[in-house]
Amino acid sequence: MANDTGIPAHLAHLSKDKKLAPVLRAVAEPYILKKRKNVCLRLCASIMSQQLSTKVADVIFRRFLELYGGKEPTPQQIADTPFDTLRAIGLSNAKTSYVHNVAQYFIEHKITDAMLNRKSNEEVMELLLPIKGVGRWTVEMLLMFTLGREDVFAPDDLGIQQAMARIYGLDMTDKKAMRENMLRISAKWTPYRTQACFYLWRYKDEKK
């Protein structure tokens, strides 16, 4: 959505941050927010991809879908998949357990895409954090990339930490002060903190 000058609303708002403004001008337009279906599967995919390169994660996810004829499985299908079958596609014991935990939790709590889309960010966080293997960062990524929420910030994301340390001169060795400063700075970006995160990720990737 653009304002009267034709500038996207998120860009006009984020540009008020004088240190972030040059970053907005320097990097390409970020990811376009969109909602994706089958939230349970997206959450499982996020767990599968943790601590893996994008290339390896893509291979494992493709093998995962092949277990179901190349189609996206339902929570019940995932829960019914034998432990050893999931291990055989390249998942660790822990990740296999976590994937089963997610599917079982969605079934037991009758969680649907529509239910999650109706909830606030904090309500989604409260609902999903009790799942063993699911942390705040995982839910934040789900809010951004699957539920398409505009105002999400991920202070524990290493890429965002590195980008903000460089842009704002923050000291990464003092974790507590670093986090407090990140939250203070990001508060000014509301209600477009998700877009700010995308710019920071692009900035970090382009500065390698």
N, C-alpha and C. Protein backbone atom coordinates (compact mmCIF):
# COMPACT_ATOMS: atom_id res chain seq x y z
N MET A 1 0.84 -1.19 0.00
CA MET A 1 0.00 0.00 0.00
C MET A 1 0.88 1.25 0.00
N ALA A 2 0.58 2.22 -0.84
CA ALA A 2 1.41 3.41 -0.97
C ALA A 2 0.69 4.63 -0.39
N ASN A 3 1.49 5.63 -0.01
CA ASN A 3 0.88 6.87 0.46
C ASN A 3 0.66 7.82 -0.71
N ASP A 4 0.33 9.09 -0.41
CA ASP A 4 0.00 10.04 -1.48
C ASP A 4 1.16 10.32 -2.42
N THR A 5 2.38 10.10 -1.96
CA THR A 5 3.56 10.35 -2.80
C THR A 5 3.90 9.16 -3.68
N GLY A 6 3.18 8.06 -3.51
CA GLY A 6 3.46 6.86 -4.29
C GLY A 6 4.50 5.95 -3.65
N ILE A 7 5.05 6.39 -2.51
CA ILE A 7 6.05 5.58 -1.80
C ILE A 7 5.31 4.54 -0.95
N PRO A 8 5.72 3.26 -0.99
CA PRO A 8 5.07 2.25 -0.14
C PRO A 8 5.05 2.69 1.31
N ALA A 9 3.95 2.44 1.99
CA ALA A 9 3.78 2.91 3.37
C ALA A 9 4.88 2.42 4.29
N HIS A 10 5.28 1.14 4.11
CA HIS A 10 6.32 0.61 5.00
C HIS A 10 7.65 1.32 4.77
N LEU A 11 7.91 1.67 3.51
CA LEU A 11 9.17 2.34 3.18
C LEU A 11 9.20 3.76 3.74
N ALA A 12 8.09 4.45 3.63
CA ALA A 12 8.01 5.81 4.15
C ALA A 12 8.20 5.81 5.67
N HIS A 13 7.59 4.85 6.33
CA HIS A 13 7.69 4.79 7.79
C HIS A 13 9.10 4.41 8.24
N LEU A 14 9.66 3.36 7.64
CA LEU A 14 10.98 2.88 8.06
C LEU A 14 12.08 3.89 7.74
N SER A 15 11.86 4.71 6.72
CA SER A 15 12.86 5.71 6.32
C SER A 15 13.03 6.81 7.36
N LYS A 16 12.11 6.89 8.32
CA LYS A 16 12.24 7.88 9.39
C LYS A 16 13.42 7.55 10.30
N ASP A 17 13.84 6.29 10.28
CA ASP A 17 15.03 5.87 11.02
C ASP A 17 16.24 6.24 10.16
N LYS A 18 16.96 7.27 10.58
CA LYS A 18 18.04 7.83 9.75
C LYS A 18 19.17 6.85 9.47
N LYS A 19 19.41 5.92 10.39
CA LYS A 19 20.47 4.94 10.16
C LYS A 19 20.00 3.79 9.28
N LEU A 20 18.71 3.52 9.31
CA LEU A 20 18.17 2.45 8.47
C LEU A 20 17.90 2.93 7.05
N ALA A 21 17.61 4.23 6.90
CA ALA A 21 17.23 4.78 5.60
C ALA A 21 18.23 4.43 4.48
N PRO A 22 19.55 4.58 4.70
CA PRO A 22 20.50 4.23 3.62
C PRO A 22 20.43 2.76 3.23
N VAL A 23 20.11 1.90 4.19
CA VAL A 23 19.98 0.46 3.92
C VAL A 23 18.77 0.22 3.01
N LEU A 24 17.69 0.93 3.28
CA LEU A 24 16.48 0.78 2.47
C LEU A 24 16.75 1.16 1.02
N ARG A 25 17.57 2.18 0.84
CA ARG A 25 17.88 2.64 -0.52
C ARG A 25 18.87 1.72 -1.22
N ALA A 26 19.71 1.05 -0.43
CA ALA A 26 20.82 0.28 -1.01
C ALA A 26 20.43 -1.14 -1.43
N VAL A 27 19.43 -1.72 -0.77
CA VAL A 27 19.10 -3.11 -1.09
C VAL A 27 17.82 -3.20 -1.91
N ALA A 28 17.67 -4.33 -2.55
CA ALA A 28 16.48 -4.55 -3.40
C ALA A 28 15.22 -4.60 -2.55
N GLU A 29 14.08 -4.37 -3.18
CA GLU A 29 12.79 -4.44 -2.48
C GLU A 29 12.67 -5.82 -1.83
N PRO A 30 12.31 -5.87 -0.54
CA PRO A 30 12.30 -7.14 0.17
C PRO A 30 11.14 -8.05 -0.21
N TYR A 31 11.13 -9.16 0.47
CA TYR A 31 10.12 -10.21 0.29
C TYR A 31 8.71 -9.64 0.42
N ILE A 32 7.83 -10.09 -0.45
CA ILE A 32 6.43 -9.65 -0.38
C ILE A 32 5.67 -10.59 0.55
N LEU A 33 5.03 -10.02 1.55
CA LEU A 33 4.31 -10.82 2.53
C LEU A 33 3.14 -11.56 1.89
N LYS A 34 2.99 -12.82 2.25
CA LYS A 34 1.86 -13.59 1.74
C LYS A 34 1.53 -14.72 2.71
N LYS A 35 0.28 -15.12 2.73
CA LYS A 35 -0.15 -16.22 3.57
C LYS A 35 0.01 -17.53 2.81
N ARG A 36 0.44 -18.56 3.54
CA ARG A 36 0.59 -19.87 2.93
C ARG A 36 -0.28 -20.87 3.69
N LYS A 37 -0.75 -21.87 2.98
CA LYS A 37 -1.63 -22.86 3.59
C LYS A 37 -0.83 -23.99 4.24
N ASN A 38 -1.54 -24.83 4.99
CA ASN A 38 -0.96 -26.00 5.66
C ASN A 38 0.13 -25.57 6.66
N VAL A 39 -0.30 -24.82 7.67
CA VAL A 39 0.63 -24.27 8.66
C VAL A 39 1.39 -25.37 9.39
N CYS A 40 0.73 -26.47 9.68
CA CYS A 40 1.40 -27.59 10.35
C CYS A 40 2.62 -28.05 9.55
N LEU A 41 2.44 -28.22 8.25
CA LEU A 41 3.54 -28.66 7.40
C LEU A 41 4.66 -27.62 7.39
N ARG A 42 4.31 -26.33 7.32
CA ARG A 42 5.33 -25.26 7.29
C ARG A 42 6.14 -25.27 8.58
N LEU A 43 5.46 -25.54 9.70
CA LEU A 43 6.17 -25.59 10.97
C LEU A 43 7.12 -26.79 11.01
N CYS A 44 6.65 -27.92 10.50
CA CYS A 44 7.52 -29.11 10.40
C CYS A 44 8.73 -28.82 9.51
N ALA A 45 8.49 -28.15 8.39
CA ALA A 45 9.57 -27.83 7.46
C ALA A 45 10.61 -26.92 8.11
N SER A 46 10.13 -25.98 8.93
CA SER A 46 11.04 -25.08 9.63
C SER A 46 11.94 -25.84 10.59
N ILE A 47 11.36 -26.80 11.28
CA ILE A 47 12.15 -27.63 12.20
C ILE A 47 13.17 -28.47 11.43
N MET A 48 12.75 -29.04 10.32
CA MET A 48 13.65 -29.85 9.50
C MET A 48 14.86 -29.05 9.01
N SER A 49 14.64 -27.77 8.72
CA SER A 49 15.69 -26.97 8.09
C SER A 49 16.66 -26.33 9.08
N GLN A 50 16.36 -26.42 10.37
CA GLN A 50 17.22 -25.77 11.37
C GLN A 50 18.65 -26.28 11.30
N GLN A 51 19.60 -25.32 11.33
CA GLN A 51 21.04 -25.61 11.32
C GLN A 51 21.51 -26.33 10.06
N LEU A 52 20.74 -26.19 8.98
CA LEU A 52 21.14 -26.76 7.69
C LEU A 52 21.24 -25.65 6.65
N SER A 53 22.05 -25.89 5.64
CA SER A 53 22.10 -24.94 4.53
C SER A 53 20.78 -25.04 3.77
N THR A 54 20.45 -23.99 3.04
CA THR A 54 19.20 -23.99 2.27
C THR A 54 19.16 -25.16 1.30
N LYS A 55 20.31 -25.45 0.69
CA LYS A 55 20.38 -26.54 -0.31
C LYS A 55 20.06 -27.89 0.32
N VAL A 56 20.68 -28.18 1.45
CA VAL A 56 20.46 -29.47 2.13
C VAL A 56 19.02 -29.55 2.64
N ALA A 57 18.53 -28.44 3.19
CA ALA A 57 17.15 -28.40 3.71
C ALA A 57 16.14 -28.69 2.59
N ASP A 58 16.41 -28.13 1.41
CA ASP A 58 15.51 -28.35 0.27
C ASP A 58 15.48 -29.82 -0.14
N VAL A 59 16.64 -30.46 -0.11
CA VAL A 59 16.73 -31.88 -0.47
C VAL A 59 15.93 -32.73 0.50
N ILE A 60 16.09 -32.45 1.79
CA ILE A 60 15.38 -33.24 2.81
C ILE A 60 13.87 -33.01 2.72
N PHE A 61 13.47 -31.77 2.47
CA PHE A 61 12.03 -31.50 2.38
C PHE A 61 11.44 -32.19 1.15
N ARG A 62 12.20 -32.23 0.07
CA ARG A 62 11.73 -32.91 -1.14
C ARG A 62 11.56 -34.41 -0.87
N ARG A 63 12.52 -34.99 -0.16
CA ARG A 63 12.41 -36.41 0.21
C ARG A 63 11.18 -36.63 1.10
N PHE A 64 10.94 -35.68 1.98
CA PHE A 64 9.79 -35.76 2.88
C PHE A 64 8.49 -35.80 2.09
N LEU A 65 8.34 -34.90 1.13
CA LEU A 65 7.12 -34.86 0.32
C LEU A 65 6.97 -36.13 -0.52
N GLU A 66 8.09 -36.71 -0.93
CA GLU A 66 8.04 -37.93 -1.73
C GLU A 66 7.43 -39.10 -0.95
N LEU A 67 7.51 -39.03 0.36
CA LEU A 67 6.89 -40.06 1.20
C LEU A 67 5.38 -40.08 1.02
N TYR A 68 4.84 -38.95 0.55
CA TYR A 68 3.38 -38.80 0.39
C TYR A 68 3.01 -38.58 -1.08
N GLY A 69 3.82 -39.16 -1.95
CA GLY A 69 3.53 -39.07 -3.38
C GLY A 69 3.72 -37.68 -3.94
N GLY A 70 4.56 -36.89 -3.29
CA GLY A 70 4.84 -35.54 -3.78
C GLY A 70 3.79 -34.52 -3.36
N LYS A 71 2.79 -34.96 -2.62
CA LYS A 71 1.73 -34.04 -2.17
C LYS A 71 1.97 -33.61 -0.73
N GLU A 72 1.35 -32.51 -0.34
CA GLU A 72 1.51 -32.01 1.02
C GLU A 72 0.68 -32.87 1.97
N PRO A 73 1.32 -33.45 2.99
CA PRO A 73 0.59 -34.32 3.92
C PRO A 73 -0.23 -33.54 4.95
N THR A 74 -1.24 -34.19 5.47
CA THR A 74 -2.04 -33.63 6.56
C THR A 74 -1.32 -33.93 7.88
N PRO A 75 -1.70 -33.26 8.96
CA PRO A 75 -1.11 -33.59 10.26
C PRO A 75 -1.25 -35.07 10.61
N GLN A 76 -2.40 -35.66 10.29
CA GLN A 76 -2.62 -37.08 10.60
C GLN A 76 -1.66 -37.97 9.82
N GLN A 77 -1.44 -37.65 8.55
CA GLN A 77 -0.49 -38.44 7.74
C GLN A 77 0.93 -38.35 8.30
N ILE A 78 1.31 -37.15 8.76
CA ILE A 78 2.64 -36.98 9.34
C ILE A 78 2.75 -37.78 10.63
N ALA A 79 1.73 -37.68 11.47
CA ALA A 79 1.74 -38.40 12.75
C ALA A 79 1.79 -39.91 12.54
N ASP A 80 1.17 -40.38 11.46
CA ASP A 80 1.13 -41.82 11.18
C ASP A 80 2.40 -42.35 10.51
N THR A 81 3.29 -41.47 10.11
CA THR A 81 4.52 -41.90 9.43
C THR A 81 5.48 -42.50 10.45
N PRO A 82 5.93 -43.73 10.25
CA PRO A 82 6.83 -44.37 11.21
C PRO A 82 8.11 -43.56 11.47
N PHE A 83 8.58 -43.63 12.70
CA PHE A 83 9.79 -42.91 13.12
C PHE A 83 10.96 -43.21 12.19
N ASP A 84 11.18 -44.50 11.92
CA ASP A 84 12.32 -44.91 11.09
C ASP A 84 12.21 -44.41 9.65
N THR A 85 10.99 -44.25 9.17
CA THR A 85 10.78 -43.73 7.81
C THR A 85 11.24 -42.28 7.73
N LEU A 86 10.93 -41.51 8.75
CA LEU A 86 11.38 -40.10 8.78
C LEU A 86 12.89 -40.01 8.98
N ARG A 87 13.43 -40.88 9.81
CA ARG A 87 14.89 -40.88 10.02
C ARG A 87 15.61 -41.17 8.71
N ALA A 88 15.02 -42.03 7.88
CA ALA A 88 15.69 -42.47 6.65
C ALA A 88 15.84 -41.37 5.61
N ILE A 89 15.07 -40.26 5.73
CA ILE A 89 15.21 -39.18 4.74
C ILE A 89 16.31 -38.20 5.14
N GLY A 90 16.93 -38.45 6.31
CA GLY A 90 18.04 -37.59 6.72
C GLY A 90 17.79 -36.75 7.95
N LEU A 91 16.68 -37.02 8.65
CA LEU A 91 16.39 -36.29 9.89
C LEU A 91 17.07 -36.95 11.08
N SER A 92 17.50 -36.13 12.04
CA SER A 92 18.08 -36.67 13.27
C SER A 92 16.97 -37.25 14.13
N ASN A 93 17.35 -37.97 15.17
CA ASN A 93 16.35 -38.50 16.10
C ASN A 93 15.52 -37.37 16.71
N ALA A 94 16.21 -36.31 17.11
CA ALA A 94 15.53 -35.19 17.75
C ALA A 94 14.53 -34.54 16.80
N LYS A 95 14.96 -34.25 15.58
CA LYS A 95 14.06 -33.59 14.62
C LYS A 95 12.88 -34.48 14.26
N THR A 96 13.12 -35.78 14.17
CA THR A 96 12.03 -36.70 13.88
C THR A 96 10.99 -36.64 14.99
N SER A 97 11.46 -36.62 16.24
CA SER A 97 10.55 -36.52 17.38
C SER A 97 9.78 -35.20 17.36
N TYR A 98 10.48 -34.12 17.02
CA TYR A 98 9.84 -32.81 17.01
C TYR A 98 8.76 -32.72 15.92
N VAL A 99 9.04 -33.31 14.76
CA VAL A 99 8.05 -33.30 13.67
C VAL A 99 6.80 -34.06 14.10
N HIS A 100 7.01 -35.21 14.74
CA HIS A 100 5.87 -35.97 15.26
C HIS A 100 5.12 -35.17 16.32
N ASN A 101 5.89 -34.46 17.18
CA ASN A 101 5.28 -33.64 18.24
C ASN A 101 4.35 -32.58 17.64
N VAL A 102 4.83 -31.92 16.59
CA VAL A 102 4.05 -30.87 15.94
C VAL A 102 2.75 -31.43 15.39
N ALA A 103 2.85 -32.51 14.63
CA ALA A 103 1.66 -33.10 14.01
C ALA A 103 0.66 -33.55 15.06
N GLN A 104 1.16 -34.22 16.10
CA GLN A 104 0.27 -34.71 17.16
C GLN A 104 -0.41 -33.55 17.90
N TYR A 105 0.34 -32.49 18.13
CA TYR A 105 -0.19 -31.32 18.84
C TYR A 105 -1.31 -30.65 18.02
N PHE A 106 -1.08 -30.52 16.72
CA PHE A 106 -2.11 -29.93 15.85
C PHE A 106 -3.38 -30.77 15.85
N ILE A 107 -3.21 -32.10 15.88
CA ILE A 107 -4.38 -32.99 15.89
C ILE A 107 -5.13 -32.87 17.22
N GLU A 108 -4.39 -32.98 18.32
CA GLU A 108 -5.01 -32.97 19.66
C GLU A 108 -5.72 -31.66 19.96
N HIS A 109 -5.14 -30.55 19.49
CA HIS A 109 -5.72 -29.24 19.78
C HIS A 109 -6.62 -28.72 18.65
N LYS A 110 -6.81 -29.60 17.64
CA LYS A 110 -7.69 -29.25 16.51
C LYS A 110 -7.32 -27.90 15.90
N ILE A 111 -6.02 -27.70 15.69
CA ILE A 111 -5.52 -26.43 15.16
C ILE A 111 -5.65 -26.43 13.64
N THR A 112 -6.27 -25.39 13.12
CA THR A 112 -6.44 -25.24 11.67
C THR A 112 -5.79 -23.93 11.21
N ASP A 113 -5.60 -23.82 9.91
CA ASP A 113 -5.06 -22.57 9.36
C ASP A 113 -5.97 -21.40 9.71
N ALA A 114 -7.28 -21.61 9.58
CA ALA A 114 -8.24 -20.54 9.86
C ALA A 114 -8.14 -20.07 11.31
N MET A 115 -7.96 -21.01 12.23
CA MET A 115 -7.84 -20.66 13.64
C MET A 115 -6.62 -19.78 13.87
N LEU A 116 -5.49 -20.17 13.30
CA LEU A 116 -4.25 -19.41 13.49
C LEU A 116 -4.35 -18.03 12.84
N ASN A 117 -5.00 -17.95 11.68
CA ASN A 117 -5.13 -16.66 11.00
C ASN A 117 -5.98 -15.67 11.79
N ARG A 118 -6.85 -16.19 12.64
CA ARG A 118 -7.70 -15.32 13.46
C ARG A 118 -6.98 -14.81 14.70
N LYS A 119 -5.92 -15.47 15.11
CA LYS A 119 -5.24 -15.13 16.36
C LYS A 119 -4.21 -14.02 16.18
N SER A 120 -3.94 -13.30 17.25
CA SER A 120 -2.90 -12.28 17.24
C SER A 120 -1.53 -12.96 17.26
N ASN A 121 -0.49 -12.21 17.02
CA ASN A 121 0.87 -12.77 17.05
C ASN A 121 1.16 -13.43 18.40
N GLU A 122 0.82 -12.74 19.49
CA GLU A 122 1.09 -13.29 20.82
C GLU A 122 0.25 -14.52 21.10
N GLU A 123 -0.97 -14.54 20.61
CA GLU A 123 -1.83 -15.72 20.81
C GLU A 123 -1.28 -16.92 20.06
N VAL A 124 -0.74 -16.70 18.85
CA VAL A 124 -0.11 -17.79 18.10
C VAL A 124 1.11 -18.29 18.86
N MET A 125 1.89 -17.36 19.40
CA MET A 125 3.08 -17.71 20.17
C MET A 125 2.69 -18.57 21.38
N GLU A 126 1.69 -18.14 22.12
CA GLU A 126 1.25 -18.86 23.32
C GLU A 126 0.72 -20.26 22.97
N LEU A 127 0.07 -20.37 21.83
CA LEU A 127 -0.50 -21.66 21.42
C LEU A 127 0.57 -22.66 21.00
N LEU A 128 1.60 -22.18 20.28
CA LEU A 128 2.57 -23.10 19.68
C LEU A 128 3.84 -23.35 20.51
N LEU A 129 4.18 -22.44 21.41
CA LEU A 129 5.42 -22.61 22.17
C LEU A 129 5.44 -23.86 23.07
N PRO A 130 4.29 -24.34 23.56
CA PRO A 130 4.34 -25.56 24.38
C PRO A 130 4.80 -26.81 23.62
N ILE A 131 4.83 -26.77 22.30
CA ILE A 131 5.28 -27.93 21.52
C ILE A 131 6.78 -28.13 21.71
N LYS A 132 7.18 -29.30 22.15
CA LYS A 132 8.60 -29.58 22.34
C LYS A 132 9.32 -29.52 20.99
N GLY A 133 10.39 -28.72 20.94
CA GLY A 133 11.13 -28.55 19.69
C GLY A 133 10.80 -27.26 18.97
N VAL A 134 9.79 -26.53 19.48
CA VAL A 134 9.39 -25.26 18.87
C VAL A 134 9.76 -24.11 19.82
N GLY A 135 10.62 -23.21 19.35
CA GLY A 135 11.03 -22.06 20.15
C GLY A 135 10.48 -20.77 19.58
N ARG A 136 10.79 -19.65 20.22
CA ARG A 136 10.28 -18.35 19.78
C ARG A 136 10.70 -18.03 18.36
N TRP A 137 11.97 -18.30 18.03
CA TRP A 137 12.47 -17.98 16.69
C TRP A 137 11.65 -18.73 15.63
N THR A 138 11.37 -20.00 15.89
CA THR A 138 10.62 -20.82 14.93
C THR A 138 9.23 -20.23 14.70
N VAL A 139 8.57 -19.82 15.78
CA VAL A 139 7.23 -19.24 15.65
C VAL A 139 7.31 -17.87 14.96
N GLU A 140 8.34 -17.10 15.25
CA GLU A 140 8.50 -15.80 14.58
C GLU A 140 8.64 -15.98 13.07
N MET A 141 9.41 -16.99 12.66
CA MET A 141 9.56 -17.26 11.23
C MET A 141 8.23 -17.70 10.61
N LEU A 142 7.47 -18.48 11.38
CA LEU A 142 6.15 -18.92 10.91
C LEU A 142 5.22 -17.73 10.73
N LEU A 143 5.24 -16.82 11.70
CA LEU A 143 4.41 -15.62 11.61
C LEU A 143 4.75 -14.80 10.37
N MET A 144 6.04 -14.70 10.09
CA MET A 144 6.49 -13.91 8.93
C MET A 144 6.20 -14.60 7.61
N PHE A 145 6.72 -15.81 7.47
CA PHE A 145 6.76 -16.47 6.16
C PHE A 145 5.52 -17.30 5.82
N THR A 146 4.73 -17.68 6.84
CA THR A 146 3.55 -18.50 6.57
C THR A 146 2.25 -17.75 6.83
N LEU A 147 2.20 -17.02 7.94
CA LEU A 147 0.98 -16.29 8.27
C LEU A 147 0.99 -14.87 7.71
N GLY A 148 2.14 -14.43 7.17
CA GLY A 148 2.21 -13.14 6.48
C GLY A 148 1.97 -11.94 7.38
N ARG A 149 2.44 -12.00 8.62
CA ARG A 149 2.21 -10.90 9.56
C ARG A 149 3.23 -9.77 9.34
N GLU A 150 2.76 -8.54 9.38
CA GLU A 150 3.59 -7.38 9.06
C GLU A 150 4.48 -6.90 10.20
N ASP A 151 4.08 -7.18 11.44
CA ASP A 151 4.78 -6.55 12.56
C ASP A 151 5.42 -7.57 13.49
N VAL A 152 6.41 -8.31 12.97
CA VAL A 152 7.11 -9.34 13.74
C VAL A 152 8.60 -9.00 13.77
N PHE A 153 9.20 -9.12 14.94
CA PHE A 153 10.64 -8.88 15.07
C PHE A 153 11.28 -10.12 15.69
N ALA A 154 12.47 -10.50 15.20
CA ALA A 154 13.14 -11.71 15.67
C ALA A 154 14.51 -11.35 16.26
N PRO A 155 14.53 -10.92 17.53
CA PRO A 155 15.78 -10.46 18.14
C PRO A 155 16.84 -11.53 18.32
N ASP A 156 16.43 -12.80 18.30
CA ASP A 156 17.40 -13.88 18.49
C ASP A 156 17.98 -14.40 17.18
N ASP A 157 17.56 -13.82 16.06
CA ASP A 157 18.08 -14.24 14.76
C ASP A 157 19.49 -13.68 14.56
N LEU A 158 20.46 -14.55 14.29
CA LEU A 158 21.85 -14.13 14.20
C LEU A 158 22.07 -13.13 13.06
N GLY A 159 21.41 -13.36 11.93
CA GLY A 159 21.57 -12.44 10.80
C GLY A 159 21.09 -11.04 11.13
N ILE A 160 19.97 -10.94 11.83
CA ILE A 160 19.44 -9.63 12.22
C ILE A 160 20.36 -8.99 13.25
N GLN A 161 20.88 -9.79 14.17
CA GLN A 161 21.82 -9.27 15.16
C GLN A 161 23.07 -8.69 14.47
N GLN A 162 23.62 -9.44 13.53
CA GLN A 162 24.84 -8.99 12.84
C GLN A 162 24.59 -7.72 12.03
N ALA A 163 23.45 -7.65 11.36
CA ALA A 163 23.12 -6.47 10.56
C ALA A 163 22.94 -5.25 11.45
N MET A 164 22.22 -5.40 12.56
CA MET A 164 21.97 -4.26 13.44
C MET A 164 23.25 -3.83 14.16
N ALA A 165 24.10 -4.79 14.49
CA ALA A 165 25.38 -4.44 15.13
C ALA A 165 26.20 -3.55 14.21
N ARG A 166 26.18 -3.88 12.93
CA ARG A 166 26.96 -3.09 11.96
C ARG A 166 26.32 -1.72 11.71
N ILE A 167 25.02 -1.69 11.54
CA ILE A 167 24.32 -0.43 11.20
C ILE A 167 24.29 0.54 12.38
N TYR A 168 24.06 -0.01 13.59
CA TYR A 168 23.87 0.86 14.76
C TYR A 168 25.06 0.86 15.72
N GLY A 169 26.13 0.13 15.35
CA GLY A 169 27.32 0.11 16.20
C GLY A 169 27.09 -0.57 17.54
N LEU A 170 26.29 -1.63 17.55
CA LEU A 170 25.98 -2.33 18.80
C LEU A 170 27.07 -3.35 19.14
N ASP A 171 27.27 -3.56 20.43
CA ASP A 171 28.28 -4.50 20.92
C ASP A 171 27.64 -5.88 21.09
N MET A 172 28.03 -6.83 20.25
CA MET A 172 27.43 -8.17 20.29
C MET A 172 27.95 -9.02 21.44
N THR A 173 29.01 -8.57 22.12
CA THR A 173 29.57 -9.38 23.21
C THR A 173 28.72 -9.28 24.48
N ASP A 174 27.98 -8.19 24.62
CA ASP A 174 27.09 -8.03 25.78
C ASP A 174 25.68 -8.39 25.33
N LYS A 175 25.32 -9.66 25.50
CA LYS A 175 24.06 -10.18 24.95
C LYS A 175 22.84 -9.46 25.50
N LYS A 176 22.84 -9.20 26.80
CA LYS A 176 21.67 -8.57 27.41
C LYS A 176 21.47 -7.15 26.87
N ALA A 177 22.56 -6.37 26.86
CA ALA A 177 22.47 -4.98 26.36
C ALA A 177 22.14 -4.98 24.87
N MET A 178 22.70 -5.93 24.14
CA MET A 178 22.45 -6.03 22.71
C MET A 178 20.95 -6.23 22.46
N ARG A 179 20.36 -7.17 23.18
CA ARG A 179 18.94 -7.46 23.00
C ARG A 179 18.08 -6.24 23.36
N GLU A 180 18.39 -5.59 24.47
CA GLU A 180 17.64 -4.41 24.90
C GLU A 180 17.70 -3.31 23.86
N ASN A 181 18.90 -3.10 23.30
CA ASN A 181 19.07 -2.06 22.28
C ASN A 181 18.32 -2.41 21.00
N MET A 182 18.35 -3.68 20.62
CA MET A 182 17.63 -4.12 19.43
C MET A 182 16.13 -3.89 19.58
N LEU A 183 15.59 -4.23 20.76
CA LEU A 183 14.15 -4.06 20.99
C LEU A 183 13.78 -2.57 21.02
N ARG A 184 14.67 -1.76 21.60
CA ARG A 184 14.42 -0.31 21.66
C ARG A 184 14.40 0.29 20.25
N ILE A 185 15.38 -0.08 19.44
CA ILE A 185 15.47 0.45 18.08
C ILE A 185 14.29 -0.04 17.23
N SER A 186 13.99 -1.33 17.33
CA SER A 186 12.94 -1.92 16.48
C SER A 186 11.55 -1.42 16.83
N ALA A 187 11.37 -0.93 18.06
CA ALA A 187 10.06 -0.42 18.45
C ALA A 187 9.62 0.72 17.53
N LYS A 188 10.58 1.47 17.01
CA LYS A 188 10.27 2.59 16.11
C LYS A 188 9.77 2.11 14.75
N TRP A 189 10.02 0.85 14.43
CA TRP A 189 9.65 0.32 13.11
C TRP A 189 8.20 -0.17 13.05
N THR A 190 7.58 -0.35 14.23
CA THR A 190 6.17 -0.78 14.26
C THR A 190 5.30 0.19 13.46
N PRO A 191 4.38 -0.28 12.62
CA PRO A 191 3.88 -1.66 12.46
C PRO A 191 4.49 -2.43 11.29
N TYR A 192 5.73 -2.11 10.94
CA TYR A 192 6.35 -2.77 9.77
C TYR A 192 7.67 -3.46 10.14
N ARG A 193 7.71 -4.06 11.31
CA ARG A 193 8.97 -4.68 11.75
C ARG A 193 9.36 -5.88 10.88
N THR A 194 8.37 -6.59 10.33
CA THR A 194 8.70 -7.73 9.46
C THR A 194 9.47 -7.25 8.24
N GLN A 195 8.99 -6.20 7.60
CA GLN A 195 9.68 -5.66 6.43
C GLN A 195 11.09 -5.20 6.81
N ALA A 196 11.23 -4.59 7.98
CA ALA A 196 12.55 -4.16 8.43
C ALA A 196 13.50 -5.35 8.54
N CYS A 197 12.98 -6.47 9.06
CA CYS A 197 13.80 -7.69 9.17
C CYS A 197 14.26 -8.17 7.79
N PHE A 198 13.36 -8.12 6.81
CA PHE A 198 13.74 -8.55 5.46
C PHE A 198 14.85 -7.67 4.90
N TYR A 199 14.76 -6.36 5.13
CA TYR A 199 15.82 -5.46 4.67
C TYR A 199 17.14 -5.79 5.36
N LEU A 200 17.09 -6.07 6.65
CA LEU A 200 18.31 -6.38 7.40
C LEU A 200 18.95 -7.67 6.89
N TRP A 201 18.12 -8.67 6.59
CA TRP A 201 18.67 -9.92 6.04
C TRP A 201 19.33 -9.67 4.68
N ARG A 202 18.67 -8.90 3.83
CA ARG A 202 19.23 -8.59 2.50
C ARG A 202 20.54 -7.82 2.66
N TYR A 203 20.54 -6.87 3.57
CA TYR A 203 21.74 -6.05 3.83
C TYR A 203 22.91 -6.96 4.25
N LYS A 204 22.65 -7.85 5.19
CA LYS A 204 23.71 -8.75 5.66
C LYS A 204 24.23 -9.63 4.53
N ASP A 205 23.31 -10.20 3.71
CA ASP A 205 23.72 -11.07 2.61
C ASP A 205 24.56 -10.32 1.58
N GLU A 206 24.19 -9.07 1.33
CA GLU A 206 24.90 -8.29 0.31
C GLU A 206 26.22 -7.74 0.82
N LYS A 207 26.42 -7.74 2.14
CA LYS A 207 27.67 -7.22 2.73
C LYS A 207 28.70 -8.31 2.98
N LYS A 208 28.37 -9.56 2.64
CA LYS A 208 29.30 -10.67 2.88
C LYS A 208 30.61 -10.46 2.11
